[in-house]
PDB file of N, CA and C in Angstrom:
ATOM      1  N   MET A   1       5.111   6.451 -16.906  1.00  0.00           N
ATOM      2  CA  MET A   1       3.980   6.627 -15.811  1.00  0.00           C
ATOM      3  C   MET A   1       4.184   5.494 -14.790  1.00  0.00           C
ATOM      4  N   LYS A   2       4.305   5.874 -13.628  1.00  0.00           N
ATOM      5  CA  LYS A   2       4.612   5.055 -12.585  1.00  0.00           C
ATOM      6  C   LYS A   2       3.082   4.106 -12.184  1.00  0.00           C
ATOM      7  N   THR A   3       3.568   2.772 -11.720  1.00  0.00           N
ATOM      8  CA  THR A   3       2.344   2.000 -11.405  1.00  0.00           C
ATOM      9  C   THR A   3       2.290   1.868 -10.036  1.00  0.00           C
ATOM     10  N   VAL A   4       1.006   2.054  -9.432  1.00  0.00           N
ATOM     11  CA  VAL A   4       0.753   1.758  -8.057  1.00  0.00           C
ATOM     12  C   VAL A   4      -0.099   0.427  -7.907  1.00  0.00           C
ATOM     13  N   MET A   5       0.055  -0.168  -6.899  1.00  0.00           N
ATOM     14  CA  MET A   5      -0.641  -1.420  -6.635  1.00  0.00           C
ATOM     15  C   MET A   5      -1.423  -1.012  -5.387  1.00  0.00           C
ATOM     16  N   VAL A   6      -2.756  -1.070  -5.569  1.00  0.00           N
ATOM     17  CA  VAL A   6      -3.605  -0.641  -4.389  1.00  0.00           C
ATOM     18  C   VAL A   6      -4.474  -2.236  -4.004  1.00  0.00           C
ATOM     19  N   VAL A   7      -3.968  -2.519  -2.791  1.00  0.00           N
ATOM     20  CA  VAL A   7      -4.574  -3.614  -2.073  1.00  0.00           C
ATOM     21  C   VAL A   7      -5.579  -3.409  -1.059  1.00  0.00           C
ATOM     22  N   ASP A   8      -6.815  -3.557  -0.930  1.00  0.00           N
ATOM     23  CA  ASP A   8      -7.631  -3.175  -0.099  1.00  0.00           C
ATOM     24  C   ASP A   8      -8.837  -3.993  -0.540  1.00  0.00           C
ATOM     25  N   ASP A   9      -9.399  -4.804   0.694  1.00  0.00           N
ATOM     26  CA  ASP A   9     -10.692  -5.593   0.430  1.00  0.00           C
ATOM     27  C   ASP A   9     -11.977  -4.849  -0.003  1.00  0.00           C
ATOM     28  N   SER A  10     -11.920  -3.469   0.173  1.00  0.00           N
ATOM     29  CA  SER A  10     -13.017  -2.506  -0.173  1.00  0.00           C
ATOM     30  C   SER A  10     -12.855  -1.958  -1.455  1.00  0.00           C
ATOM     31  N   ARG A  11     -13.883  -2.182  -2.365  1.00  0.00           N
ATOM     32  CA  ARG A  11     -13.722  -1.643  -3.642  1.00  0.00           C
ATOM     33  C   ARG A  11     -13.577  -0.064  -3.496  1.00  0.00           C
ATOM     34  N   ILE A  12     -14.609   0.316  -2.539  1.00  0.00           N
ATOM     35  CA  ILE A  12     -14.643   1.599  -2.305  1.00  0.00           C
ATOM     36  C   ILE A  12     -13.559   2.534  -1.803  1.00  0.00           C
ATOM     37  N   MET A  13     -12.805   1.605  -1.176  1.00  0.00           N
ATOM     38  CA  MET A  13     -11.289   2.309  -0.590  1.00  0.00           C
ATOM     39  C   MET A  13     -10.313   2.278  -1.868  1.00  0.00           C
ATOM     40  N   ARG A  14     -10.394   1.369  -2.536  1.00  0.00           N
ATOM     41  CA  ARG A  14      -9.533   1.363  -3.725  1.00  0.00           C
ATOM     42  C   ARG A  14      -9.866   2.516  -4.795  1.00  0.00           C
ATOM     43  N   ASN A  15     -11.211   2.872  -4.817  1.00  0.00           N
ATOM     44  CA  ASN A  15     -11.443   3.963  -5.680  1.00  0.00           C
ATOM     45  C   ASN A  15     -11.178   5.106  -4.883  1.00  0.00           C
ATOM     46  N   ILE A  16     -11.316   5.367  -3.499  1.00  0.00           N
ATOM     47  CA  ILE A  16     -10.890   6.592  -3.073  1.00  0.00           C
ATOM     48  C   ILE A  16      -9.266   6.712  -3.171  1.00  0.00           C
ATOM     49  N   VAL A  17      -8.568   5.572  -2.814  1.00  0.00           N
ATOM     50  CA  VAL A  17      -7.201   5.908  -3.402  1.00  0.00           C
ATOM     51  C   VAL A  17      -7.234   6.601  -4.717  1.00  0.00           C
ATOM     52  N   LYS A  18      -7.411   6.018  -5.582  1.00  0.00           N
ATOM     53  CA  LYS A  18      -7.285   6.428  -6.966  1.00  0.00           C
ATOM     54  C   LYS A  18      -7.904   7.696  -7.191  1.00  0.00           C
ATOM     55  N   ASN A  19      -8.812   8.062  -6.652  1.00  0.00           N
ATOM     56  CA  ASN A  19      -9.287   9.583  -6.456  1.00  0.00           C
ATOM     57  C   ASN A  19      -8.371  10.544  -6.008  1.00  0.00           C
ATOM     58  N   THR A  20      -7.526   9.981  -4.820  1.00  0.00           N
ATOM     59  CA  THR A  20      -6.798  10.824  -4.196  1.00  0.00           C
ATOM     60  C   THR A  20      -5.582  11.059  -4.920  1.00  0.00           C
ATOM     61  N   PHE A  21      -5.194  10.217  -5.907  1.00  0.00           N
ATOM     62  CA  PHE A  21      -3.966  10.384  -6.764  1.00  0.00           C
ATOM     63  C   PHE A  21      -4.621  11.530  -8.083  1.00  0.00           C
ATOM     64  N   GLU A  22      -5.695  11.307  -8.243  1.00  0.00           N
ATOM     65  CA  GLU A  22      -6.276  12.330  -9.348  1.00  0.00           C
ATOM     66  C   GLU A  22      -6.331  13.642  -8.705  1.00  0.00           C
ATOM     67  N   GLN A  23      -6.863  13.702  -7.412  1.00  0.00           N
ATOM     68  CA  GLN A  23      -6.995  15.061  -6.897  1.00  0.00           C
ATOM     69  C   GLN A  23      -5.676  15.867  -6.679  1.00  0.00           C
ATOM     70  N   LEU A  24      -4.757  14.860  -6.352  1.00  0.00           N
ATOM     71  CA  LEU A  24      -3.278  15.488  -6.427  1.00  0.00           C
ATOM     72  C   LEU A  24      -2.678  15.542  -7.893  1.00  0.00           C
ATOM     73  N   LYS A  25      -3.576  15.341  -8.689  1.00  0.00           N
ATOM     74  CA  LYS A  25      -2.739  15.334 -10.279  1.00  0.00           C
ATOM     75  C   LYS A  25      -1.453  14.883 -10.244  1.00  0.00           C
ATOM     76  N   ILE A  26      -1.396  13.331  -9.725  1.00  0.00           N
ATOM     77  CA  ILE A  26      -0.393  12.658  -9.865  1.00  0.00           C
ATOM     78  C   ILE A  26      -0.559  11.572 -10.887  1.00  0.00           C
ATOM     79  N   PRO A  27      -0.287  11.562 -12.042  1.00  0.00           N
ATOM     80  CA  PRO A  27      -0.753  10.454 -13.176  1.00  0.00           C
ATOM     81  C   PRO A  27      -0.098   9.201 -12.985  1.00  0.00           C
ATOM     82  N   VAL A  28      -0.753   7.929 -12.550  1.00  0.00           N
ATOM     83  CA  VAL A  28      -0.354   6.872 -12.403  1.00  0.00           C
ATOM     84  C   VAL A  28      -1.045   5.787 -13.208  1.00  0.00           C
ATOM     85  N   SER A  29      -0.702   4.470 -13.232  1.00  0.00           N
ATOM     86  CA  SER A  29      -1.429   3.542 -13.480  1.00  0.00           C
ATOM     87  C   SER A  29      -1.793   2.535 -12.413  1.00  0.00           C
ATOM     88  N   TYR A  30      -3.023   1.703 -12.371  1.00  0.00           N
ATOM     89  CA  TYR A  30      -3.092   0.995 -11.286  1.00  0.00           C
ATOM     90  C   TYR A  30      -3.224  -0.490 -11.383  1.00  0.00           C
ATOM     91  N   VAL A  31      -2.839  -1.208 -10.360  1.00  0.00           N
ATOM     92  CA  VAL A  31      -3.039  -2.673 -10.190  1.00  0.00           C
ATOM     93  C   VAL A  31      -3.657  -2.742  -8.881  1.00  0.00           C
ATOM     94  N   GLU A  32      -4.927  -3.601  -9.020  1.00  0.00           N
ATOM     95  CA  GLU A  32      -5.598  -3.724  -7.885  1.00  0.00           C
ATOM     96  C   GLU A  32      -5.833  -4.999  -7.515  1.00  0.00           C
ATOM     97  N   ALA A  33      -5.901  -5.209  -6.067  1.00  0.00           N
ATOM     98  CA  ALA A  33      -6.211  -6.676  -5.371  1.00  0.00           C
ATOM     99  C   ALA A  33      -7.158  -6.397  -4.081  1.00  0.00           C
ATOM    100  N   GLU A  34      -7.752  -7.443  -4.132  1.00  0.00           N
ATOM    101  CA  GLU A  34      -8.712  -7.421  -2.976  1.00  0.00           C
ATOM    102  C   GLU A  34      -8.301  -8.205  -1.732  1.00  0.00           C
ATOM    103  N   ASP A  35      -7.134  -8.791  -1.803  1.00  0.00           N
ATOM    104  CA  ASP A  35      -6.540  -9.462  -0.729  1.00  0.00           C
ATOM    105  C   ASP A  35      -4.913  -9.765  -0.864  1.00  0.00           C
ATOM    106  N   GLY A  36      -4.540 -10.153   0.247  1.00  0.00           N
ATOM    107  CA  GLY A  36      -2.896 -10.364   0.007  1.00  0.00           C
ATOM    108  C   GLY A  36      -2.558 -11.542  -0.962  1.00  0.00           C
ATOM    109  N   ILE A  37      -3.318 -12.282  -0.912  1.00  0.00           N
ATOM    110  CA  ILE A  37      -2.950 -13.479  -1.970  1.00  0.00           C
ATOM    111  C   ILE A  37      -3.153 -13.236  -3.292  1.00  0.00           C
ATOM    112  N   LYS A  38      -4.097 -12.265  -3.615  1.00  0.00           N
ATOM    113  CA  LYS A  38      -4.278 -12.155  -5.020  1.00  0.00           C
ATOM    114  C   LYS A  38      -3.315 -10.903  -5.404  1.00  0.00           C
ATOM    115  N   ALA A  39      -2.845 -10.111  -4.471  1.00  0.00           N
ATOM    116  CA  ALA A  39      -1.756  -9.136  -4.315  1.00  0.00           C
ATOM    117  C   ALA A  39      -0.299  -9.939  -4.744  1.00  0.00           C
ATOM    118  N   LEU A  40      -0.052 -10.813  -4.102  1.00  0.00           N
ATOM    119  CA  LEU A  40       1.219 -11.448  -4.317  1.00  0.00           C
ATOM    120  C   LEU A  40       1.233 -12.273  -5.684  1.00  0.00           C
ATOM    121  N   GLN A  41      -0.018 -12.787  -6.184  1.00  0.00           N
ATOM    122  CA  GLN A  41      -0.063 -13.130  -7.453  1.00  0.00           C
ATOM    123  C   GLN A  41       0.098 -12.043  -8.653  1.00  0.00           C
ATOM    124  N   ALA A  42      -0.574 -10.886  -8.565  1.00  0.00           N
ATOM    125  CA  ALA A  42      -0.359  -9.720  -9.262  1.00  0.00           C
ATOM    126  C   ALA A  42       0.820  -9.027  -9.348  1.00  0.00           C
ATOM    127  N   LEU A  43       1.677  -9.125  -8.156  1.00  0.00           N
ATOM    128  CA  LEU A  43       2.965  -8.655  -8.059  1.00  0.00           C
ATOM    129  C   LEU A  43       3.900  -9.387  -8.906  1.00  0.00           C
ATOM    130  N   LEU A  44       3.688 -10.633  -8.906  1.00  0.00           N
ATOM    131  CA  LEU A  44       4.551 -11.492  -9.730  1.00  0.00           C
ATOM    132  C   LEU A  44       4.459 -11.366 -11.263  1.00  0.00           C
ATOM    133  N   LYS A  45       3.158 -10.866 -11.551  1.00  0.00           N
ATOM    134  CA  LYS A  45       2.896 -10.585 -13.048  1.00  0.00           C
ATOM    135  C   LYS A  45       3.068  -9.259 -13.472  1.00  0.00           C
ATOM    136  N   ASN A  46       3.200  -8.045 -12.702  1.00  0.00           N
ATOM    137  CA  ASN A  46       3.318  -6.717 -12.942  1.00  0.00           C
ATOM    138  C   ASN A  46       4.314  -6.171 -12.309  1.00  0.00           C
ATOM    139  N   SER A  47       4.939  -4.947 -13.096  1.00  0.00           N
ATOM    140  CA  SER A  47       5.959  -4.352 -12.502  1.00  0.00           C
ATOM    141  C   SER A  47       5.336  -3.006 -11.653  1.00  0.00           C
ATOM    142  N   VAL A  48       5.494  -2.958 -10.582  1.00  0.00           N
ATOM    143  CA  VAL A  48       5.005  -1.792  -9.834  1.00  0.00           C
ATOM    144  C   VAL A  48       5.904  -0.908  -9.119  1.00  0.00           C
ATOM    145  N   ASP A  49       5.727   0.263  -8.802  1.00  0.00           N
ATOM    146  CA  ASP A  49       6.653   1.281  -8.040  1.00  0.00           C
ATOM    147  C   ASP A  49       6.372   1.590  -6.831  1.00  0.00           C
ATOM    148  N   LEU A  50       5.098   1.388  -6.334  1.00  0.00           N
ATOM    149  CA  LEU A  50       4.443   1.589  -4.986  1.00  0.00           C
ATOM    150  C   LEU A  50       3.253   0.578  -4.725  1.00  0.00           C
ATOM    151  N   ILE A  51       3.508   0.250  -3.340  1.00  0.00           N
ATOM    152  CA  ILE A  51       2.042  -0.353  -2.883  1.00  0.00           C
ATOM    153  C   ILE A  51       1.312   0.309  -1.994  1.00  0.00           C
ATOM    154  N   LEU A  52       0.239   0.321  -2.013  1.00  0.00           N
ATOM    155  CA  LEU A  52      -0.758   0.972  -1.020  1.00  0.00           C
ATOM    156  C   LEU A  52      -1.398  -0.183  -0.144  1.00  0.00           C
ATOM    157  N   LEU A  53      -1.547  -0.450   0.837  1.00  0.00           N
ATOM    158  CA  LEU A  53      -1.621  -1.671   1.557  1.00  0.00           C
ATOM    159  C   LEU A  53      -2.690  -1.543   2.829  1.00  0.00           C
ATOM    160  N   ASP A  54      -3.705  -2.326   2.625  1.00  0.00           N
ATOM    161  CA  ASP A  54      -4.583  -2.194   3.909  1.00  0.00           C
ATOM    162  C   ASP A  54      -3.949  -3.156   4.777  1.00  0.00           C
ATOM    163  N   TRP A  55      -4.437  -3.196   6.067  1.00  0.00           N
ATOM    164  CA  TRP A  55      -3.958  -4.199   7.033  1.00  0.00           C
ATOM    165  C   TRP A  55      -5.022  -5.308   7.219  1.00  0.00           C
ATOM    166  N   ASN A  56      -6.412  -4.989   7.655  1.00  0.00           N
ATOM    167  CA  ASN A  56      -7.402  -6.064   7.500  1.00  0.00           C
ATOM    168  C   ASN A  56      -7.870  -6.606   6.496  1.00  0.00           C
ATOM    169  N   MET A  57      -7.673  -7.617   5.819  1.00  0.00           N
ATOM    170  CA  MET A  57      -8.200  -8.379   4.822  1.00  0.00           C
ATOM    171  C   MET A  57      -8.296  -9.756   4.865  1.00  0.00           C
ATOM    172  N   PRO A  58      -9.174 -10.374   4.123  1.00  0.00           N
ATOM    173  CA  PRO A  58      -9.463 -11.880   4.181  1.00  0.00           C
ATOM    174  C   PRO A  58      -8.217 -12.534   3.635  1.00  0.00           C
ATOM    175  N   ASN A  59      -8.161 -13.922   3.730  1.00  0.00           N
ATOM    176  CA  ASN A  59      -7.151 -14.586   3.112  1.00  0.00           C
ATOM    177  C   ASN A  59      -5.608 -14.436   3.564  1.00  0.00           C
ATOM    178  N   LEU A  60      -5.277 -13.012   3.377  1.00  0.00           N
ATOM    179  CA  LEU A  60      -3.859 -12.921   3.708  1.00  0.00           C
ATOM    180  C   LEU A  60      -3.918 -11.393   4.071  1.00  0.00           C
ATOM    181  N   SER A  61      -3.512 -11.289   5.670  1.00  0.00           N
ATOM    182  CA  SER A  61      -3.688  -9.464   6.107  1.00  0.00           C
ATOM    183  C   SER A  61      -2.732  -8.787   5.177  1.00  0.00           C
ATOM    184  N   GLY A  62      -2.630  -7.782   5.586  1.00  0.00           N
ATOM    185  CA  GLY A  62      -1.604  -6.773   5.001  1.00  0.00           C
ATOM    186  C   GLY A  62      -0.303  -6.900   5.455  1.00  0.00           C
ATOM    187  N   ILE A  63      -0.133  -7.311   7.060  1.00  0.00           N
ATOM    188  CA  ILE A  63       0.918  -7.314   7.724  1.00  0.00           C
ATOM    189  C   ILE A  63       1.639  -8.791   7.243  1.00  0.00           C
ATOM    190  N   ASP A  64       0.814  -9.726   6.804  1.00  0.00           N
ATOM    191  CA  ASP A  64       1.458 -11.199   6.420  1.00  0.00           C
ATOM    192  C   ASP A  64       1.980 -10.666   4.939  1.00  0.00           C
ATOM    193  N   PHE A  65       1.133  -9.958   4.078  1.00  0.00           N
ATOM    194  CA  PHE A  65       1.547  -9.697   2.784  1.00  0.00           C
ATOM    195  C   PHE A  65       3.029  -9.079   2.871  1.00  0.00           C
ATOM    196  N   LEU A  66       2.895  -8.069   3.699  1.00  0.00           N
ATOM    197  CA  LEU A  66       4.318  -7.233   3.926  1.00  0.00           C
ATOM    198  C   LEU A  66       5.373  -8.217   4.170  1.00  0.00           C
ATOM    199  N   LYS A  67       5.291  -9.138   4.938  1.00  0.00           N
ATOM    200  CA  LYS A  67       6.343 -10.121   5.508  1.00  0.00           C
ATOM    201  C   LYS A  67       6.616 -10.735   4.331  1.00  0.00           C
ATOM    202  N   LYS A  68       5.706 -11.406   3.574  1.00  0.00           N
ATOM    203  CA  LYS A  68       6.159 -12.155   2.514  1.00  0.00           C
ATOM    204  C   LYS A  68       6.798 -11.535   1.276  1.00  0.00           C
ATOM    205  N   VAL A  69       6.437 -10.074   0.929  1.00  0.00           N
ATOM    206  CA  VAL A  69       7.044  -9.414   0.055  1.00  0.00           C
ATOM    207  C   VAL A  69       8.595  -9.124   0.542  1.00  0.00           C
ATOM    208  N   ARG A  70       8.793  -8.584   1.802  1.00  0.00           N
ATOM    209  CA  ARG A  70      10.026  -8.342   2.118  1.00  0.00           C
ATOM    210  C   ARG A  70      11.015  -9.387   1.971  1.00  0.00           C
ATOM    211  N   ALA A  71      10.456 -10.680   2.217  1.00  0.00           N
ATOM    212  CA  ALA A  71      11.367 -11.898   2.105  1.00  0.00           C
ATOM    213  C   ALA A  71      11.735 -12.266   0.732  1.00  0.00           C
ATOM    214  N   ILE A  72      10.981 -11.550  -0.322  1.00  0.00           N
ATOM    215  CA  ILE A  72      11.564 -11.704  -1.752  1.00  0.00           C
ATOM    216  C   ILE A  72      12.706 -10.641  -2.108  1.00  0.00           C
ATOM    217  N   GLU A  73      13.748 -11.155  -2.369  1.00  0.00           N
ATOM    218  CA  GLU A  73      15.011 -10.259  -2.871  1.00  0.00           C
ATOM    219  C   GLU A  73      14.496  -9.114  -3.440  1.00  0.00           C
ATOM    220  N   ARG A  74      13.869  -9.202  -4.564  1.00  0.00           N
ATOM    221  CA  ARG A  74      13.607  -7.960  -5.554  1.00  0.00           C
ATOM    222  C   ARG A  74      12.632  -6.986  -5.032  1.00  0.00           C
ATOM    223  N   TYR A  75      12.018  -7.451  -4.192  1.00  0.00           N
ATOM    224  CA  TYR A  75      10.924  -6.579  -3.633  1.00  0.00           C
ATOM    225  C   TYR A  75      11.517  -5.899  -2.114  1.00  0.00           C
ATOM    226  N   LYS A  76      12.384  -6.122  -1.682  1.00  0.00           N
ATOM    227  CA  LYS A  76      12.947  -5.662  -0.510  1.00  0.00           C
ATOM    228  C   LYS A  76      12.974  -4.380  -0.275  1.00  0.00           C
ATOM    229  N   GLU A  77      13.048  -3.462  -1.406  1.00  0.00           N
ATOM    230  CA  GLU A  77      13.077  -2.024  -1.333  1.00  0.00           C
ATOM    231  C   GLU A  77      12.101  -1.259  -1.837  1.00  0.00           C
ATOM    232  N   ILE A  78      11.105  -2.070  -2.340  1.00  0.00           N
ATOM    233  CA  ILE A  78       9.760  -1.301  -3.022  1.00  0.00           C
ATOM    234  C   ILE A  78       9.112  -0.684  -2.049  1.00  0.00           C
ATOM    235  N   PRO A  79       8.584   0.588  -2.075  1.00  0.00           N
ATOM    236  CA  PRO A  79       7.993   1.418  -1.156  1.00  0.00           C
ATOM    237  C   PRO A  79       6.577   0.822  -0.876  1.00  0.00           C
ATOM    238  N   ILE A  80       6.338   0.554   0.252  1.00  0.00           N
ATOM    239  CA  ILE A  80       4.840   0.133   0.746  1.00  0.00           C
ATOM    240  C   ILE A  80       4.292   1.075   1.784  1.00  0.00           C
ATOM    241  N   ILE A  81       3.270   1.528   1.245  1.00  0.00           N
ATOM    242  CA  ILE A  81       2.466   2.553   2.443  1.00  0.00           C
ATOM    243  C   ILE A  81       1.454   1.763   2.829  1.00  0.00           C
ATOM    244  N   MET A  82       1.314   1.607   4.288  1.00  0.00           N
ATOM    245  CA  MET A  82       0.057   1.151   4.937  1.00  0.00           C
ATOM    246  C   MET A  82      -0.987   2.196   5.109  1.00  0.00           C
ATOM    247  N   VAL A  83      -2.131   1.846   4.247  1.00  0.00           N
ATOM    248  CA  VAL A  83      -3.124   2.844   4.327  1.00  0.00           C
ATOM    249  C   VAL A  83      -4.433   1.862   5.096  1.00  0.00           C
ATOM    250  N   THR A  84      -4.633   2.195   6.573  1.00  0.00           N
ATOM    251  CA  THR A  84      -5.393   1.279   7.315  1.00  0.00           C
ATOM    252  C   THR A  84      -6.096   2.058   8.296  1.00  0.00           C
ATOM    253  N   SER A  85      -7.345   1.485   8.937  1.00  0.00           N
ATOM    254  CA  SER A  85      -7.947   1.900   9.833  1.00  0.00           C
ATOM    255  C   SER A  85      -7.131   1.549  11.332  1.00  0.00           C
ATOM    256  N   GLU A  86      -6.319   0.464  11.051  1.00  0.00           N
ATOM    257  CA  GLU A  86      -5.439  -0.040  12.132  1.00  0.00           C
ATOM    258  C   GLU A  86      -4.465   0.991  12.867  1.00  0.00           C
ATOM    259  N   SER A  87      -4.806   1.689  14.057  1.00  0.00           N
ATOM    260  CA  SER A  87      -4.112   2.907  14.367  1.00  0.00           C
ATOM    261  C   SER A  87      -3.311   2.340  15.643  1.00  0.00           C
ATOM    262  N   ALA A  88      -3.589   1.212  16.022  1.00  0.00           N
ATOM    263  CA  ALA A  88      -2.912   0.872  17.723  1.00  0.00           C
ATOM    264  C   ALA A  88      -1.289   1.096  17.384  1.00  0.00           C
ATOM    265  N   LYS A  89      -0.871   1.614  18.507  1.00  0.00           N
ATOM    266  CA  LYS A  89       0.701   1.952  18.361  1.00  0.00           C
ATOM    267  C   LYS A  89       1.535   0.586  18.270  1.00  0.00           C
ATOM    268  N   LEU A  90       1.031  -0.483  18.617  1.00  0.00           N
ATOM    269  CA  LEU A  90       1.675  -1.671  18.436  1.00  0.00           C
ATOM    270  C   LEU A  90       1.547  -2.243  17.083  1.00  0.00           C
ATOM    271  N   SER A  91       0.600  -1.929  16.545  1.00  0.00           N
ATOM    272  CA  SER A  91       0.479  -2.314  14.906  1.00  0.00           C
ATOM    273  C   SER A  91       1.571  -1.516  13.977  1.00  0.00           C
ATOM    274  N   VAL A  92       1.504  -0.315  14.342  1.00  0.00           N
ATOM    275  CA  VAL A  92       2.441   0.869  13.744  1.00  0.00           C
ATOM    276  C   VAL A  92       4.029   0.299  14.080  1.00  0.00           C
ATOM    277  N   VAL A  93       4.145  -0.141  15.331  1.00  0.00           N
ATOM    278  CA  VAL A  93       5.418  -0.659  15.576  1.00  0.00           C
ATOM    279  C   VAL A  93       5.859  -1.976  14.890  1.00  0.00           C
ATOM    280  N   GLU A  94       4.855  -2.924  14.816  1.00  0.00           N
ATOM    281  CA  GLU A  94       5.120  -4.125  14.018  1.00  0.00           C
ATOM    282  C   GLU A  94       5.259  -3.917  12.481  1.00  0.00           C
ATOM    283  N   ALA A  95       4.211  -3.041  12.119  1.00  0.00           N
ATOM    284  CA  ALA A  95       4.530  -2.707  10.575  1.00  0.00           C
ATOM    285  C   ALA A  95       6.012  -2.090  10.083  1.00  0.00           C
ATOM    286  N   VAL A  96       6.540  -1.250  11.022  1.00  0.00           N
ATOM    287  CA  VAL A  96       8.023  -0.498  10.914  1.00  0.00           C
ATOM    288  C   VAL A  96       8.838  -1.653  11.049  1.00  0.00           C
ATOM    289  N   LYS A  97       8.693  -2.600  11.995  1.00  0.00           N
ATOM    290  CA  LYS A  97       9.748  -3.696  12.332  1.00  0.00           C
ATOM    291  C   LYS A  97       9.740  -4.655  10.956  1.00  0.00           C
ATOM    292  N   GLU A  98       8.435  -4.828  10.226  1.00  0.00           N
ATOM    293  CA  GLU A  98       8.751  -5.482   9.142  1.00  0.00           C
ATOM    294  C   GLU A  98       8.791  -4.895   7.866  1.00  0.00           C
ATOM    295  N   GLY A  99       9.204  -3.632   7.914  1.00  0.00           N
ATOM    296  CA  GLY A  99       9.687  -2.811   6.612  1.00  0.00           C
ATOM    297  C   GLY A  99       8.968  -2.243   5.788  1.00  0.00           C
ATOM    298  N   ILE A 100       7.867  -1.729   6.726  1.00  0.00           N
ATOM    299  CA  ILE A 100       6.756  -0.813   6.090  1.00  0.00           C
ATOM    300  C   ILE A 100       7.460   0.581   5.698  1.00  0.00           C
ATOM    301  N   THR A 101       7.090   1.288   4.605  1.00  0.00           N
ATOM    302  CA  THR A 101       7.892   2.341   4.178  1.00  0.00           C
ATOM    303  C   THR A 101       7.231   3.507   4.798  1.00  0.00           C
ATOM    304  N   ALA A 102       6.011   3.603   5.040  1.00  0.00           N
ATOM    305  CA  ALA A 102       4.955   4.745   5.697  1.00  0.00           C
ATOM    306  C   ALA A 102       3.819   4.159   6.017  1.00  0.00           C
ATOM    307  N   TYR A 103       3.201   4.746   6.864  1.00  0.00           N
ATOM    308  CA  TYR A 103       1.951   4.381   7.612  1.00  0.00           C
ATOM    309  C   TYR A 103       0.880   5.517   7.477  1.00  0.00           C
ATOM    310  N   ILE A 104      -0.127   5.208   7.102  1.00  0.00           N
ATOM    311  CA  ILE A 104      -1.331   6.487   7.071  1.00  0.00           C
ATOM    312  C   ILE A 104      -2.543   5.823   7.480  1.00  0.00           C
ATOM    313  N   THR A 105      -3.372   6.489   8.459  1.00  0.00           N
ATOM    314  CA  THR A 105      -4.529   5.823   8.873  1.00  0.00           C
ATOM    315  C   THR A 105      -5.704   6.438   8.366  1.00  0.00           C
ATOM    316  N   LYS A 106      -6.658   5.793   8.108  1.00  0.00           N
ATOM    317  CA  LYS A 106      -7.951   6.012   7.337  1.00  0.00           C
ATOM    318  C   LYS A 106      -8.566   7.113   8.143  1.00  0.00           C
ATOM    319  N   PRO A 107      -9.483   7.986   7.672  1.00  0.00           N
ATOM    320  CA  PRO A 107      -9.679   8.480   6.184  1.00  0.00           C
ATOM    321  C   PRO A 107      -8.173   8.972   5.795  1.00  0.00           C
ATOM    322  N   ILE A 108      -7.902   8.984   4.592  1.00  0.00           N
ATOM    323  CA  ILE A 108      -6.887   9.423   3.823  1.00  0.00           C
ATOM    324  C   ILE A 108      -6.918  10.960   3.591  1.00  0.00           C
ATOM    325  N   ASN A 109      -6.031  11.589   4.545  1.00  0.00           N
ATOM    326  CA  ASN A 109      -5.835  13.187   4.506  1.00  0.00           C
ATOM    327  C   ASN A 109      -4.762  13.422   3.151  1.00  0.00           C
ATOM    328  N   ASN A 110      -5.490  14.333   2.219  1.00  0.00           N
ATOM    329  CA  ASN A 110      -4.634  14.621   1.212  1.00  0.00           C
ATOM    330  C   ASN A 110      -3.121  15.267   1.582  1.00  0.00           C
ATOM    331  N   LYS A 111      -3.309  16.052   2.385  1.00  0.00           N
ATOM    332  CA  LYS A 111      -1.697  16.560   2.784  1.00  0.00           C
ATOM    333  C   LYS A 111      -0.669  15.457   3.455  1.00  0.00           C
ATOM    334  N   VAL A 112      -1.420  14.581   4.135  1.00  0.00           N
ATOM    335  CA  VAL A 112      -0.508  13.781   4.805  1.00  0.00           C
ATOM    336  C   VAL A 112      -0.157  12.852   3.698  1.00  0.00           C
ATOM    337  N   PHE A 113      -0.930  12.319   2.640  1.00  0.00           N
ATOM    338  CA  PHE A 113      -0.641  11.490   1.689  1.00  0.00           C
ATOM    339  C   PHE A 113       0.401  12.041   0.891  1.00  0.00           C
ATOM    340  N   LEU A 114       0.418  13.219   0.485  1.00  0.00           N
ATOM    341  CA  LEU A 114       1.461  13.927  -0.495  1.00  0.00           C
ATOM    342  C   LEU A 114       2.736  14.046   0.298  1.00  0.00           C
ATOM    343  N   ASP A 115       2.589  14.229   1.620  1.00  0.00           N
ATOM    344  CA  ASP A 115       3.802  14.158   2.406  1.00  0.00           C
ATOM    345  C   ASP A 115       4.560  12.811   2.340  1.00  0.00           C
ATOM    346  N   LYS A 116       3.818  11.826   2.380  1.00  0.00           N
ATOM    347  CA  LYS A 116       4.308  10.634   2.573  1.00  0.00           C
ATOM    348  C   LYS A 116       5.107  10.193   1.082  1.00  0.00           C
ATOM    349  N   LEU A 117       4.207  10.502   0.113  1.00  0.00           N
ATOM    350  CA  LEU A 117       4.798  10.313  -1.104  1.00  0.00           C
ATOM    351  C   LEU A 117       6.080  10.968  -1.394  1.00  0.00           C
ATOM    352  N   SER A 118       6.154  12.358  -1.023  1.00  0.00           N
ATOM    353  CA  SER A 118       7.360  13.084  -1.174  1.00  0.00           C
ATOM    354  C   SER A 118       8.560  12.530  -0.674  1.00  0.00           C
ATOM    355  N   LYS A 119       8.286  12.056   0.446  1.00  0.00           N
ATOM    356  CA  LYS A 119       9.304  11.335   1.243  1.00  0.00           C
ATOM    357  C   LYS A 119      10.068  10.237   0.652  1.00  0.00           C
ATOM    358  N   ILE A 120       9.249   9.473  -0.200  1.00  0.00           N
ATOM    359  CA  ILE A 120       9.684   8.318  -1.015  1.00  0.00           C
ATOM    360  C   ILE A 120      10.137   8.630  -2.450  1.00  0.00           C
ATOM    361  N   SER A 121      10.301   9.941  -2.662  1.00  0.00           N
ATOM    362  CA  SER A 121      10.523  10.538  -3.906  1.00  0.00           C
ATOM    363  C   SER A 121       9.563  10.078  -5.186  1.00  0.00           C
ATOM    364  N   PHE A 122       8.316   9.837  -4.634  1.00  0.00           N
ATOM    365  CA  PHE A 122       7.303   9.249  -5.796  1.00  0.00           C
ATOM    366  C   PHE A 122       6.906  10.207  -6.741  1.00  0.00           C
TER     367      PHE A 122
END
């Protein structure tokens, strides 16, 4: 079973992400974090196959978390999907430049979500 890290300061949003996997009948286990700092700590303690990441969070934003993760050799290739309400074109461009695998704007559309997952062979 694959493990997904869900990084979002909203518990409701973390639950929505988990429900999306259940609705799509994709069995996964979860590691959760409510900000980028806790996510970095959890990443060092857990083996994960995919990270779903919000942009706007306290302590360490999603984009700053992304930069830190991509700077760690063993995480350069881990798939990271930004799931955020941040929809400005400049934000998407910055995330792509920093190595994001895919970008989804909230609310999550199951068809779009499944499409993004299929492109990373998840």
